[in-house]
Amino acid sequence: MFVQMVSGAATCFYAFVGFDIIATSGEESSKPTKHVPVAIVSTLVICLIAYVAVSSLLTLLVPWNKLAGSAALPNAFAQVRLIIIRLSIDHNNVFLCF
């Protein structure tokens, strides 16, 4: 189970890779000393809120030992019989791939 948790944490870490885009866009900003730090901190806060919200949701929906190794969020909704939400997550993942 530890390997799966580390794998999930590594996958979520890619949300923070977007800071490179913010840092390189500082060259195009009119006030980079003001705009770049605000953009970086606001992006960190948004990613943190999303990560904590999804982690809390998974923790509160089903016990950790019943979570699936892959696609844990849709399977957690399926276990509590919220099939419509599971299908919407599955369909959104398919549409985001294109």
N, C-alpha and C. Protein backbone atom coordinates (compact mmCIF):
# COMPACT_ATOMS: atom_id res chain seq x y z
N MET A 1 0.83 -1.20 0.00
CA MET A 1 0.00 0.00 0.00
C MET A 1 0.87 1.26 0.00
N PHE A 2 2.05 1.18 0.65
CA PHE A 2 2.94 2.34 0.71
C PHE A 2 3.40 2.74 -0.69
N VAL A 3 3.67 1.76 -1.53
CA VAL A 3 4.13 2.06 -2.90
C VAL A 3 3.04 2.79 -3.67
N GLN A 4 1.79 2.40 -3.47
CA GLN A 4 0.69 3.06 -4.15
C GLN A 4 0.51 4.49 -3.65
N MET A 5 0.71 4.72 -2.36
CA MET A 5 0.59 6.08 -1.83
C MET A 5 1.70 6.97 -2.38
N VAL A 6 2.90 6.44 -2.46
CA VAL A 6 4.01 7.23 -3.01
C VAL A 6 3.78 7.50 -4.48
N SER A 7 3.25 6.52 -5.19
CA SER A 7 2.94 6.72 -6.61
C SER A 7 1.88 7.80 -6.79
N GLY A 8 0.86 7.80 -5.94
CA GLY A 8 -0.17 8.85 -6.01
C GLY A 8 0.39 10.21 -5.68
N ALA A 9 1.28 10.27 -4.70
CA ALA A 9 1.89 11.55 -4.35
C ALA A 9 2.78 12.06 -5.47
N ALA A 10 3.49 11.16 -6.14
CA ALA A 10 4.33 11.56 -7.27
C ALA A 10 3.48 12.07 -8.43
N THR A 11 2.33 11.44 -8.63
CA THR A 11 1.44 11.90 -9.70
C THR A 11 0.88 13.28 -9.39
N CYS A 12 0.50 13.51 -8.14
CA CYS A 12 -0.03 14.82 -7.76
C CYS A 12 1.04 15.90 -7.80
N PHE A 13 2.29 15.51 -7.67
CA PHE A 13 3.38 16.49 -7.69
C PHE A 13 3.46 17.19 -9.03
N TYR A 14 3.00 16.55 -10.11
CA TYR A 14 3.06 17.17 -11.42
C TYR A 14 2.20 18.43 -11.50
N ALA A 15 1.27 18.60 -10.58
CA ALA A 15 0.49 19.84 -10.55
C ALA A 15 1.39 21.03 -10.27
N PHE A 16 2.48 20.79 -9.56
CA PHE A 16 3.39 21.87 -9.20
C PHE A 16 4.40 22.17 -10.30
N VAL A 17 4.45 21.35 -11.33
CA VAL A 17 5.38 21.59 -12.43
C VAL A 17 4.97 22.85 -13.20
N GLY A 18 3.74 23.23 -13.11
CA GLY A 18 3.26 24.42 -13.80
C GLY A 18 3.92 25.70 -13.35
N PHE A 19 4.65 25.65 -12.25
CA PHE A 19 5.35 26.85 -11.80
C PHE A 19 6.42 27.28 -12.80
N ASP A 20 6.94 26.34 -13.55
CA ASP A 20 7.93 26.68 -14.56
C ASP A 20 7.33 27.62 -15.60
N ILE A 21 6.10 27.38 -15.94
CA ILE A 21 5.41 28.25 -16.90
C ILE A 21 5.24 29.64 -16.32
N ILE A 22 4.90 29.70 -15.04
CA ILE A 22 4.73 31.01 -14.40
C ILE A 22 6.06 31.74 -14.34
N ALA A 23 7.11 31.03 -14.01
CA ALA A 23 8.42 31.67 -13.89
C ALA A 23 8.91 32.19 -15.24
N THR A 24 8.70 31.43 -16.30
CA THR A 24 9.14 31.90 -17.62
C THR A 24 8.25 33.02 -18.15
N SER A 25 7.02 33.07 -17.69
CA SER A 25 6.15 34.16 -18.15
C SER A 25 6.48 35.48 -17.45
N GLY A 26 7.34 35.42 -16.45
CA GLY A 26 7.77 36.65 -15.77
C GLY A 26 8.51 37.59 -16.69
N GLU A 27 9.11 37.05 -17.73
CA GLU A 27 9.80 37.90 -18.69
C GLU A 27 8.83 38.75 -19.48
N GLU A 28 7.61 38.30 -19.61
CA GLU A 28 6.61 39.02 -20.40
C GLU A 28 5.72 39.92 -19.55
N SER A 29 5.87 39.86 -18.25
CA SER A 29 5.02 40.63 -17.35
C SER A 29 5.48 42.08 -17.28
N SER A 30 4.51 42.97 -17.05
CA SER A 30 4.86 44.38 -16.93
C SER A 30 5.54 44.69 -15.59
N LYS A 31 5.13 44.00 -14.52
CA LYS A 31 5.73 44.16 -13.20
C LYS A 31 6.08 42.77 -12.66
N PRO A 32 7.18 42.17 -13.13
CA PRO A 32 7.47 40.79 -12.72
C PRO A 32 7.77 40.63 -11.24
N THR A 33 8.30 41.66 -10.60
CA THR A 33 8.60 41.53 -9.17
C THR A 33 7.34 41.43 -8.32
N LYS A 34 6.23 41.92 -8.86
CA LYS A 34 4.97 41.86 -8.13
C LYS A 34 4.11 40.69 -8.62
N HIS A 35 4.01 40.50 -9.93
CA HIS A 35 3.08 39.53 -10.49
C HIS A 35 3.53 38.08 -10.34
N VAL A 36 4.82 37.81 -10.50
CA VAL A 36 5.29 36.43 -10.43
C VAL A 36 5.12 35.83 -9.03
N PRO A 37 5.52 36.50 -7.95
CA PRO A 37 5.28 35.90 -6.63
C PRO A 37 3.80 35.70 -6.31
N VAL A 38 2.97 36.63 -6.74
CA VAL A 38 1.53 36.48 -6.50
C VAL A 38 1.00 35.28 -7.27
N ALA A 39 1.45 35.10 -8.50
CA ALA A 39 1.00 33.97 -9.31
C ALA A 39 1.48 32.65 -8.71
N ILE A 40 2.71 32.61 -8.25
CA ILE A 40 3.25 31.37 -7.68
C ILE A 40 2.52 31.01 -6.39
N VAL A 41 2.33 31.97 -5.52
CA VAL A 41 1.64 31.67 -4.25
C VAL A 41 0.18 31.30 -4.49
N SER A 42 -0.49 31.98 -5.39
CA SER A 42 -1.90 31.66 -5.64
C SER A 42 -2.02 30.27 -6.28
N THR A 43 -1.09 29.91 -7.16
CA THR A 43 -1.13 28.58 -7.74
C THR A 43 -0.87 27.51 -6.69
N LEU A 44 0.08 27.77 -5.79
CA LEU A 44 0.34 26.83 -4.69
C LEU A 44 -0.90 26.64 -3.83
N VAL A 45 -1.57 27.72 -3.52
CA VAL A 45 -2.76 27.64 -2.67
C VAL A 45 -3.87 26.86 -3.37
N ILE A 46 -4.06 27.11 -4.66
CA ILE A 46 -5.10 26.39 -5.41
C ILE A 46 -4.79 24.90 -5.47
N CYS A 47 -3.54 24.54 -5.75
CA CYS A 47 -3.15 23.13 -5.79
C CYS A 47 -3.29 22.48 -4.43
N LEU A 48 -2.93 23.20 -3.37
CA LEU A 48 -3.04 22.66 -2.02
C LEU A 48 -4.50 22.40 -1.66
N ILE A 49 -5.36 23.34 -1.97
CA ILE A 49 -6.78 23.18 -1.66
C ILE A 49 -7.37 22.00 -2.43
N ALA A 50 -7.01 21.87 -3.71
CA ALA A 50 -7.52 20.75 -4.51
C ALA A 50 -7.01 19.42 -3.97
N TYR A 51 -5.74 19.36 -3.63
CA TYR A 51 -5.15 18.12 -3.11
C TYR A 51 -5.78 17.72 -1.78
N VAL A 52 -5.92 18.68 -0.87
CA VAL A 52 -6.50 18.39 0.44
C VAL A 52 -7.98 18.01 0.30
N ALA A 53 -8.69 18.66 -0.61
CA ALA A 53 -10.10 18.34 -0.80
C ALA A 53 -10.29 16.93 -1.32
N VAL A 54 -9.51 16.54 -2.32
CA VAL A 54 -9.65 15.19 -2.88
C VAL A 54 -9.20 14.14 -1.87
N SER A 55 -8.11 14.40 -1.17
CA SER A 55 -7.64 13.45 -0.15
C SER A 55 -8.64 13.30 0.98
N SER A 56 -9.22 14.39 1.42
CA SER A 56 -10.23 14.33 2.48
C SER A 56 -11.47 13.60 2.00
N LEU A 57 -11.87 13.87 0.79
CA LEU A 57 -13.04 13.20 0.24
C LEU A 57 -12.83 11.70 0.18
N LEU A 58 -11.69 11.28 -0.31
CA LEU A 58 -11.41 9.84 -0.36
C LEU A 58 -11.37 9.22 1.03
N THR A 59 -10.76 9.93 1.96
CA THR A 59 -10.64 9.41 3.32
C THR A 59 -12.00 9.29 3.99
N LEU A 60 -12.87 10.23 3.73
CA LEU A 60 -14.19 10.21 4.37
C LEU A 60 -15.19 9.28 3.68
N LEU A 61 -14.97 8.99 2.39
CA LEU A 61 -15.92 8.13 1.67
C LEU A 61 -15.76 6.66 2.02
N VAL A 62 -14.54 6.16 1.90
CA VAL A 62 -14.31 4.73 2.12
C VAL A 62 -13.05 4.54 2.95
N PRO A 63 -12.92 3.40 3.63
CA PRO A 63 -11.69 3.13 4.37
C PRO A 63 -10.50 3.02 3.41
N TRP A 64 -9.31 3.33 3.90
CA TRP A 64 -8.14 3.36 3.03
C TRP A 64 -7.81 1.98 2.47
N ASN A 65 -8.12 0.93 3.20
CA ASN A 65 -7.77 -0.40 2.71
C ASN A 65 -8.72 -0.91 1.63
N LYS A 66 -9.81 -0.19 1.38
CA LYS A 66 -10.74 -0.57 0.32
C LYS A 66 -10.59 0.29 -0.93
N LEU A 67 -9.61 1.20 -0.92
CA LEU A 67 -9.38 2.03 -2.10
C LEU A 67 -8.68 1.21 -3.18
N ALA A 68 -9.05 1.44 -4.41
CA ALA A 68 -8.41 0.75 -5.53
C ALA A 68 -7.04 1.36 -5.78
N GLY A 69 -6.14 0.55 -6.30
CA GLY A 69 -4.80 1.04 -6.59
C GLY A 69 -4.79 2.06 -7.71
N SER A 70 -5.58 1.82 -8.72
CA SER A 70 -5.69 2.78 -9.82
C SER A 70 -7.14 3.24 -9.89
N ALA A 71 -7.32 4.47 -10.27
CA ALA A 71 -8.65 5.08 -10.37
C ALA A 71 -9.39 5.02 -9.03
N ALA A 72 -8.72 5.49 -7.99
CA ALA A 72 -9.30 5.40 -6.65
C ALA A 72 -10.54 6.28 -6.49
N LEU A 73 -10.52 7.46 -7.08
CA LEU A 73 -11.65 8.38 -6.91
C LEU A 73 -12.94 7.84 -7.53
N PRO A 74 -12.94 7.42 -8.80
CA PRO A 74 -14.19 6.85 -9.34
C PRO A 74 -14.65 5.59 -8.61
N ASN A 75 -13.68 4.74 -8.22
CA ASN A 75 -14.07 3.52 -7.52
C ASN A 75 -14.62 3.81 -6.13
N ALA A 76 -14.14 4.86 -5.49
CA ALA A 76 -14.68 5.24 -4.18
C ALA A 76 -16.14 5.68 -4.32
N PHE A 77 -16.45 6.43 -5.36
CA PHE A 77 -17.84 6.83 -5.59
C PHE A 77 -18.71 5.62 -5.94
N ALA A 78 -18.14 4.66 -6.64
CA ALA A 78 -18.91 3.45 -6.97
C ALA A 78 -19.20 2.64 -5.72
N GLN A 79 -18.27 2.60 -4.78
CA GLN A 79 -18.48 1.83 -3.56
C GLN A 79 -19.59 2.40 -2.68
N VAL A 80 -19.80 3.71 -2.75
CA VAL A 80 -20.88 4.31 -1.97
C VAL A 80 -22.13 4.54 -2.83
N ARG A 81 -22.14 3.90 -3.98
CA ARG A 81 -23.29 3.87 -4.90
C ARG A 81 -23.66 5.26 -5.45
N LEU A 82 -22.66 6.05 -5.75
CA LEU A 82 -22.88 7.32 -6.44
C LEU A 82 -22.37 7.17 -7.87
N ILE A 83 -23.11 6.38 -8.64
CA ILE A 83 -22.67 5.98 -9.97
C ILE A 83 -22.63 7.17 -10.93
N ILE A 84 -23.54 8.11 -10.78
CA ILE A 84 -23.57 9.27 -11.69
C ILE A 84 -22.29 10.09 -11.55
N ILE A 85 -21.83 10.28 -10.32
CA ILE A 85 -20.59 11.03 -10.11
C ILE A 85 -19.41 10.24 -10.65
N ARG A 86 -19.41 8.94 -10.45
CA ARG A 86 -18.32 8.12 -10.98
C ARG A 86 -18.26 8.22 -12.50
N LEU A 87 -19.41 8.13 -13.16
CA LEU A 87 -19.42 8.22 -14.62
C LEU A 87 -18.98 9.59 -15.11
N SER A 88 -19.35 10.64 -14.38
CA SER A 88 -18.92 11.98 -14.81
C SER A 88 -17.41 12.14 -14.67
N ILE A 89 -16.83 11.55 -13.62
CA ILE A 89 -15.37 11.60 -13.47
C ILE A 89 -14.70 10.80 -14.58
N ASP A 90 -15.23 9.63 -14.87
CA ASP A 90 -14.66 8.81 -15.94
C ASP A 90 -14.73 9.51 -17.29
N HIS A 91 -15.88 10.11 -17.58
CA HIS A 91 -16.04 10.80 -18.88
C HIS A 91 -15.15 12.04 -18.96
N ASN A 92 -15.03 12.76 -17.86
CA ASN A 92 -14.15 13.94 -17.88
C ASN A 92 -12.69 13.54 -18.09
N ASN A 93 -12.27 12.43 -17.51
CA ASN A 93 -10.91 11.97 -17.74
C ASN A 93 -10.68 11.62 -19.20
N VAL A 94 -11.68 11.03 -19.84
CA VAL A 94 -11.54 10.68 -21.25
C VAL A 94 -11.47 11.95 -22.08
N PHE A 95 -12.30 12.94 -21.79
CA PHE A 95 -12.32 14.17 -22.59
C PHE A 95 -11.07 15.00 -22.37
N LEU A 96 -10.50 14.96 -21.16
CA LEU A 96 -9.30 15.73 -20.89
C LEU A 96 -8.07 15.15 -21.59
N CYS A 97 -8.14 13.89 -21.97
CA CYS A 97 -7.00 13.27 -22.66
C CYS A 97 -6.88 13.75 -24.10
N PHE A 98 -7.92 14.32 -24.65
CA PHE A 98 -7.86 14.75 -26.04
C PHE A 98 -7.64 16.19 -26.15
